[in-house]
Amino acid sequence: MKKSSPAAPAPAATEKPERWRIDAGDADVATLVIPADSFRTRHFEIDCRLVAQPLAADAHLGMRVDVDGGLEWTRRAPVATPGQSDSIDYHFRRELPAGRPLRVVVKTEARQARRVRLLIEAEEG
């Protein structure tokens, strides 16, 4: 008589979507790691945000987003709102096949500006 392998548990259809978040405060680098799911492919909406307060008229902000070790996006720009906080935002979607984790690293630059907050948020959708 042959024995069959045990069946893998199937995720419940009513599971809440996964949400992952890292608030790095005023740090210059943030890393978000979404662990692998062995049984299903997932889709994530990912938001990266740098908020800074300019300290001088010639302030600049920069942000680089790396995904799984490769460059996804980069930007460097002067602060558009002298005297007020300013931000750089990047939004992207990613399919995450079963068995694969996702690593998002955001590196920032602030010249003549003070970092206020660095966030990475991912929501399954």
N, C-alpha and C. Protein backbone atom coordinates (compact mmCIF):
# COMPACT_ATOMS: atom_id res chain seq x y z
N MET A 1 0.84 -1.17 0.00
CA MET A 1 0.00 0.00 0.00
C MET A 1 0.89 1.24 0.00
N LYS A 2 0.62 2.19 -0.90
CA LYS A 2 1.38 3.43 -0.99
C LYS A 2 0.79 4.48 -0.06
N LYS A 3 1.69 5.21 0.55
CA LYS A 3 1.25 6.32 1.40
C LYS A 3 1.38 7.61 0.61
N SER A 4 0.42 8.46 0.76
CA SER A 4 0.51 9.76 0.09
C SER A 4 1.06 10.80 1.05
N SER A 5 1.65 11.81 0.49
CA SER A 5 2.18 12.90 1.30
C SER A 5 1.02 13.67 1.90
N PRO A 6 1.20 14.22 3.09
CA PRO A 6 0.13 15.01 3.67
C PRO A 6 -0.12 16.25 2.82
N ALA A 7 -1.37 16.63 2.76
CA ALA A 7 -1.74 17.81 1.97
C ALA A 7 -1.29 19.07 2.69
N ALA A 8 -0.84 20.04 1.92
CA ALA A 8 -0.46 21.33 2.50
C ALA A 8 -1.71 22.09 2.88
N PRO A 9 -1.67 22.77 4.01
CA PRO A 9 -2.86 23.52 4.39
C PRO A 9 -3.10 24.66 3.42
N ALA A 10 -4.33 24.84 3.06
CA ALA A 10 -4.69 25.94 2.16
C ALA A 10 -5.07 27.15 2.99
N PRO A 11 -4.64 28.36 2.57
CA PRO A 11 -5.02 29.54 3.33
C PRO A 11 -6.53 29.75 3.26
N ALA A 12 -7.09 30.20 4.34
CA ALA A 12 -8.53 30.46 4.37
C ALA A 12 -8.87 31.61 3.44
N ALA A 13 -9.99 31.50 2.77
CA ALA A 13 -10.39 32.53 1.82
C ALA A 13 -10.72 33.85 2.51
N THR A 14 -10.97 33.79 3.80
CA THR A 14 -11.35 35.01 4.52
C THR A 14 -10.20 35.65 5.28
N GLU A 15 -8.95 35.19 5.04
CA GLU A 15 -7.80 35.78 5.72
C GLU A 15 -7.70 37.27 5.41
N LYS A 16 -7.27 38.02 6.41
CA LYS A 16 -7.03 39.45 6.20
C LYS A 16 -5.79 39.62 5.34
N PRO A 17 -5.75 40.66 4.51
CA PRO A 17 -4.54 40.91 3.72
C PRO A 17 -3.35 41.21 4.64
N GLU A 18 -2.19 40.79 4.22
CA GLU A 18 -0.98 41.05 5.00
C GLU A 18 -0.62 42.53 4.91
N ARG A 19 -0.11 43.05 6.02
CA ARG A 19 0.39 44.43 6.06
C ARG A 19 1.73 44.40 6.76
N TRP A 20 2.71 45.04 6.14
CA TRP A 20 4.05 45.11 6.71
C TRP A 20 4.45 46.58 6.72
N ARG A 21 5.17 47.00 7.79
CA ARG A 21 5.51 48.41 7.91
C ARG A 21 6.79 48.57 8.72
N ILE A 22 7.64 49.48 8.29
CA ILE A 22 8.80 49.87 9.07
C ILE A 22 8.82 51.40 9.11
N ASP A 23 8.87 51.95 10.31
CA ASP A 23 9.00 53.39 10.51
C ASP A 23 10.39 53.59 11.11
N ALA A 24 11.31 54.07 10.29
CA ALA A 24 12.70 54.23 10.71
C ALA A 24 12.96 55.58 11.36
N GLY A 25 11.91 56.37 11.59
CA GLY A 25 12.08 57.67 12.22
C GLY A 25 12.96 58.57 11.37
N ASP A 26 14.00 59.16 11.99
CA ASP A 26 14.87 60.08 11.25
C ASP A 26 16.14 59.40 10.73
N ALA A 27 16.13 58.07 10.66
CA ALA A 27 17.28 57.33 10.14
C ALA A 27 17.46 57.59 8.64
N ASP A 28 18.66 57.31 8.14
CA ASP A 28 18.92 57.53 6.71
C ASP A 28 18.70 56.29 5.86
N VAL A 29 18.53 55.11 6.50
CA VAL A 29 18.28 53.86 5.77
C VAL A 29 17.18 53.08 6.49
N ALA A 30 16.29 52.48 5.70
CA ALA A 30 15.26 51.60 6.25
C ALA A 30 15.21 50.33 5.42
N THR A 31 14.96 49.20 6.09
CA THR A 31 14.86 47.91 5.41
C THR A 31 13.59 47.22 5.86
N LEU A 32 12.81 46.76 4.88
CA LEU A 32 11.60 45.99 5.14
C LEU A 32 11.76 44.64 4.47
N VAL A 33 11.60 43.57 5.26
CA VAL A 33 11.67 42.22 4.71
C VAL A 33 10.31 41.56 4.91
N ILE A 34 9.73 41.12 3.80
CA ILE A 34 8.48 40.37 3.84
C ILE A 34 8.86 38.90 3.68
N PRO A 35 8.57 38.08 4.69
CA PRO A 35 8.97 36.68 4.61
C PRO A 35 8.20 35.92 3.53
N ALA A 36 8.79 34.84 3.09
CA ALA A 36 8.15 33.99 2.07
C ALA A 36 6.91 33.31 2.64
N ASP A 37 5.97 33.03 1.76
CA ASP A 37 4.83 32.17 2.08
C ASP A 37 5.01 30.93 1.23
N SER A 38 5.04 29.78 1.86
CA SER A 38 5.34 28.54 1.14
C SER A 38 4.23 28.08 0.21
N PHE A 39 3.03 28.59 0.37
CA PHE A 39 1.89 28.00 -0.32
C PHE A 39 1.23 28.87 -1.38
N ARG A 40 1.49 30.16 -1.39
CA ARG A 40 0.73 30.99 -2.33
C ARG A 40 1.53 32.17 -2.86
N THR A 41 1.12 32.62 -4.03
CA THR A 41 1.66 33.84 -4.62
C THR A 41 0.89 35.01 -4.04
N ARG A 42 1.61 36.09 -3.72
CA ARG A 42 0.98 37.28 -3.17
C ARG A 42 1.34 38.49 -4.00
N HIS A 43 0.50 39.51 -3.95
CA HIS A 43 0.74 40.77 -4.64
C HIS A 43 0.73 41.88 -3.60
N PHE A 44 1.74 42.76 -3.66
CA PHE A 44 1.85 43.83 -2.68
C PHE A 44 1.89 45.19 -3.36
N GLU A 45 1.24 46.16 -2.73
CA GLU A 45 1.36 47.59 -3.05
C GLU A 45 2.34 48.12 -2.02
N ILE A 46 3.43 48.74 -2.49
CA ILE A 46 4.49 49.16 -1.59
C ILE A 46 4.69 50.67 -1.72
N ASP A 47 4.72 51.34 -0.57
CA ASP A 47 4.94 52.79 -0.51
C ASP A 47 6.18 53.09 0.29
N CYS A 48 7.04 53.96 -0.27
CA CYS A 48 8.25 54.41 0.39
C CYS A 48 8.14 55.94 0.51
N ARG A 49 8.46 56.47 1.70
CA ARG A 49 8.28 57.91 1.91
C ARG A 49 9.38 58.46 2.80
N LEU A 50 10.00 59.54 2.33
CA LEU A 50 10.96 60.32 3.11
C LEU A 50 10.36 61.69 3.34
N VAL A 51 10.30 62.11 4.60
CA VAL A 51 9.83 63.44 4.96
C VAL A 51 10.99 64.17 5.61
N ALA A 52 11.23 65.42 5.21
CA ALA A 52 12.34 66.19 5.75
C ALA A 52 11.94 67.65 5.91
N GLN A 53 12.68 68.33 6.79
CA GLN A 53 12.49 69.76 7.04
C GLN A 53 13.72 70.48 6.52
N PRO A 54 13.55 71.40 5.56
CA PRO A 54 14.73 72.11 5.04
C PRO A 54 15.32 73.04 6.10
N LEU A 55 16.64 73.16 6.07
CA LEU A 55 17.34 74.04 7.01
C LEU A 55 17.91 75.27 6.31
N ALA A 56 17.93 75.25 4.99
CA ALA A 56 18.47 76.35 4.20
C ALA A 56 17.76 76.39 2.85
N ALA A 57 17.92 77.49 2.15
CA ALA A 57 17.24 77.67 0.86
C ALA A 57 17.72 76.68 -0.21
N ASP A 58 18.95 76.21 -0.10
CA ASP A 58 19.49 75.30 -1.12
C ASP A 58 19.39 73.82 -0.70
N ALA A 59 18.40 73.48 0.09
CA ALA A 59 18.24 72.10 0.58
C ALA A 59 17.89 71.15 -0.56
N HIS A 60 18.39 69.92 -0.46
CA HIS A 60 18.11 68.86 -1.43
C HIS A 60 17.76 67.57 -0.68
N LEU A 61 16.91 66.78 -1.29
CA LEU A 61 16.57 65.45 -0.77
C LEU A 61 16.87 64.42 -1.85
N GLY A 62 17.22 63.23 -1.42
CA GLY A 62 17.44 62.14 -2.35
C GLY A 62 16.93 60.84 -1.74
N MET A 63 16.46 59.95 -2.61
CA MET A 63 15.98 58.65 -2.14
C MET A 63 16.29 57.61 -3.20
N ARG A 64 16.76 56.46 -2.73
CA ARG A 64 17.05 55.32 -3.60
C ARG A 64 16.31 54.11 -3.03
N VAL A 65 15.62 53.38 -3.91
CA VAL A 65 14.87 52.18 -3.50
C VAL A 65 15.50 50.98 -4.19
N ASP A 66 15.98 50.04 -3.39
CA ASP A 66 16.53 48.78 -3.89
C ASP A 66 15.58 47.66 -3.51
N VAL A 67 15.32 46.76 -4.46
CA VAL A 67 14.45 45.61 -4.21
C VAL A 67 15.24 44.35 -4.51
N ASP A 68 15.34 43.49 -3.52
CA ASP A 68 16.10 42.24 -3.64
C ASP A 68 17.49 42.47 -4.22
N GLY A 69 18.14 43.55 -3.77
CA GLY A 69 19.52 43.82 -4.14
C GLY A 69 19.72 44.60 -5.42
N GLY A 70 18.64 44.90 -6.17
CA GLY A 70 18.77 45.65 -7.41
C GLY A 70 18.07 47.00 -7.33
N LEU A 71 18.57 47.97 -8.09
CA LEU A 71 17.98 49.31 -8.10
C LEU A 71 16.58 49.26 -8.71
N GLU A 72 15.61 49.76 -7.97
CA GLU A 72 14.23 49.88 -8.43
C GLU A 72 13.96 51.30 -8.91
N TRP A 73 14.45 52.31 -8.14
CA TRP A 73 14.12 53.70 -8.44
C TRP A 73 15.06 54.61 -7.67
N THR A 74 15.35 55.78 -8.23
CA THR A 74 16.15 56.77 -7.52
C THR A 74 15.74 58.17 -7.95
N ARG A 75 15.90 59.12 -7.02
CA ARG A 75 15.58 60.51 -7.33
C ARG A 75 16.32 61.42 -6.37
N ARG A 76 16.75 62.56 -6.88
CA ARG A 76 17.37 63.62 -6.08
C ARG A 76 16.77 64.92 -6.56
N ALA A 77 16.30 65.75 -5.63
CA ALA A 77 15.61 66.98 -6.04
C ALA A 77 15.77 68.05 -4.97
N PRO A 78 15.71 69.32 -5.41
CA PRO A 78 15.70 70.40 -4.42
C PRO A 78 14.38 70.38 -3.65
N VAL A 79 14.44 70.91 -2.44
CA VAL A 79 13.22 71.01 -1.64
C VAL A 79 12.29 72.01 -2.30
N ALA A 80 11.05 71.61 -2.51
CA ALA A 80 10.09 72.43 -3.26
C ALA A 80 9.35 73.42 -2.37
N THR A 81 9.40 73.23 -1.06
CA THR A 81 8.62 74.09 -0.17
C THR A 81 9.51 74.65 0.94
N PRO A 82 10.33 75.68 0.64
CA PRO A 82 11.20 76.25 1.68
C PRO A 82 10.37 76.70 2.89
N GLY A 83 10.87 76.41 4.09
CA GLY A 83 10.17 76.80 5.30
C GLY A 83 9.13 75.80 5.77
N GLN A 84 8.81 74.81 4.95
CA GLN A 84 7.83 73.78 5.31
C GLN A 84 8.46 72.41 5.09
N SER A 85 7.87 71.39 5.65
CA SER A 85 8.40 70.05 5.38
C SER A 85 8.11 69.66 3.94
N ASP A 86 8.93 68.77 3.41
CA ASP A 86 8.78 68.29 2.04
C ASP A 86 8.99 66.78 2.06
N SER A 87 8.58 66.12 1.00
CA SER A 87 8.73 64.66 0.98
C SER A 87 9.05 64.17 -0.42
N ILE A 88 9.61 62.97 -0.46
CA ILE A 88 9.77 62.21 -1.69
C ILE A 88 9.03 60.90 -1.46
N ASP A 89 8.20 60.53 -2.40
CA ASP A 89 7.39 59.33 -2.29
C ASP A 89 7.59 58.46 -3.52
N TYR A 90 7.56 57.15 -3.31
CA TYR A 90 7.61 56.21 -4.42
C TYR A 90 6.66 55.05 -4.11
N HIS A 91 5.84 54.71 -5.10
CA HIS A 91 4.87 53.62 -4.97
C HIS A 91 5.11 52.62 -6.09
N PHE A 92 5.09 51.34 -5.75
CA PHE A 92 5.21 50.31 -6.79
C PHE A 92 4.48 49.05 -6.35
N ARG A 93 4.26 48.17 -7.32
CA ARG A 93 3.59 46.88 -7.07
C ARG A 93 4.59 45.76 -7.30
N ARG A 94 4.42 44.69 -6.56
CA ARG A 94 5.32 43.56 -6.74
C ARG A 94 4.57 42.26 -6.53
N GLU A 95 4.77 41.31 -7.44
CA GLU A 95 4.25 39.96 -7.26
C GLU A 95 5.31 39.16 -6.52
N LEU A 96 4.87 38.44 -5.52
CA LEU A 96 5.78 37.65 -4.71
C LEU A 96 5.39 36.18 -4.84
N PRO A 97 6.12 35.41 -5.68
CA PRO A 97 5.79 34.00 -5.87
C PRO A 97 5.92 33.21 -4.57
N ALA A 98 5.22 32.11 -4.49
CA ALA A 98 5.31 31.22 -3.32
C ALA A 98 6.77 30.85 -3.08
N GLY A 99 7.17 30.90 -1.82
CA GLY A 99 8.52 30.49 -1.46
C GLY A 99 9.58 31.57 -1.56
N ARG A 100 9.21 32.78 -1.97
CA ARG A 100 10.21 33.85 -2.14
C ARG A 100 9.92 35.01 -1.19
N PRO A 101 10.93 35.45 -0.44
CA PRO A 101 10.76 36.65 0.38
C PRO A 101 10.98 37.89 -0.47
N LEU A 102 10.72 39.04 0.10
CA LEU A 102 10.96 40.31 -0.58
C LEU A 102 11.70 41.23 0.37
N ARG A 103 12.77 41.84 -0.12
CA ARG A 103 13.57 42.77 0.69
C ARG A 103 13.59 44.13 0.01
N VAL A 104 13.10 45.15 0.71
CA VAL A 104 13.07 46.52 0.20
C VAL A 104 13.98 47.35 1.09
N VAL A 105 14.97 48.02 0.49
CA VAL A 105 15.88 48.88 1.23
C VAL A 105 15.76 50.29 0.65
N VAL A 106 15.51 51.26 1.51
CA VAL A 106 15.43 52.66 1.09
C VAL A 106 16.59 53.41 1.73
N LYS A 107 17.40 54.05 0.87
CA LYS A 107 18.54 54.85 1.33
C LYS A 107 18.24 56.30 0.98
N THR A 108 18.54 57.20 1.91
CA THR A 108 18.19 58.59 1.70
C THR A 108 19.39 59.52 1.80
N GLU A 109 19.20 60.70 1.28
CA GLU A 109 20.19 61.77 1.34
C GLU A 109 19.44 63.04 1.72
N ALA A 110 20.01 63.81 2.63
CA ALA A 110 19.41 65.09 3.00
C ALA A 110 20.54 66.11 3.14
N ARG A 111 20.58 67.06 2.21
CA ARG A 111 21.59 68.12 2.25
C ARG A 111 20.90 69.41 2.66
N GLN A 112 21.39 70.01 3.70
CA GLN A 112 20.78 71.23 4.26
C GLN A 112 19.31 70.98 4.65
N ALA A 113 19.05 69.75 5.08
CA ALA A 113 17.69 69.38 5.51
C ALA A 113 17.81 68.36 6.63
N ARG A 114 16.82 68.33 7.51
CA ARG A 114 16.78 67.37 8.61
C ARG A 114 15.73 66.32 8.30
N ARG A 115 16.13 65.05 8.33
CA ARG A 115 15.17 63.97 8.13
C ARG A 115 14.19 63.96 9.29
N VAL A 116 12.91 63.82 8.97
CA VAL A 116 11.87 63.76 9.98
C VAL A 116 11.34 62.33 10.10
N ARG A 117 11.10 61.69 8.95
CA ARG A 117 10.54 60.34 8.98
C ARG A 117 10.89 59.61 7.69
N LEU A 118 11.15 58.31 7.85
CA LEU A 118 11.40 57.42 6.73
C LEU A 118 10.51 56.19 6.93
N LEU A 119 9.61 55.93 5.99
CA LEU A 119 8.63 54.86 6.11
C LEU A 119 8.66 53.94 4.89
N ILE A 120 8.46 52.66 5.14
CA ILE A 120 8.15 51.71 4.06
C ILE A 120 6.93 50.94 4.52
N GLU A 121 5.90 50.91 3.66
CA GLU A 121 4.68 50.19 3.97
C GLU A 121 4.33 49.29 2.80
N ALA A 122 3.87 48.08 3.11
CA ALA A 122 3.47 47.12 2.07
C ALA A 122 2.12 46.53 2.48
N GLU A 123 1.19 46.52 1.54
CA GLU A 123 -0.12 45.96 1.79
C GLU A 123 -0.47 44.98 0.67
N GLU A 124 -0.90 43.81 1.08
CA GLU A 124 -1.30 42.80 0.11
C GLU A 124 -2.59 43.25 -0.55
N GLY A 125 -2.65 43.10 -1.84
CA GLY A 125 -3.87 43.55 -2.53
C GLY A 125 -4.11 42.82 -3.82
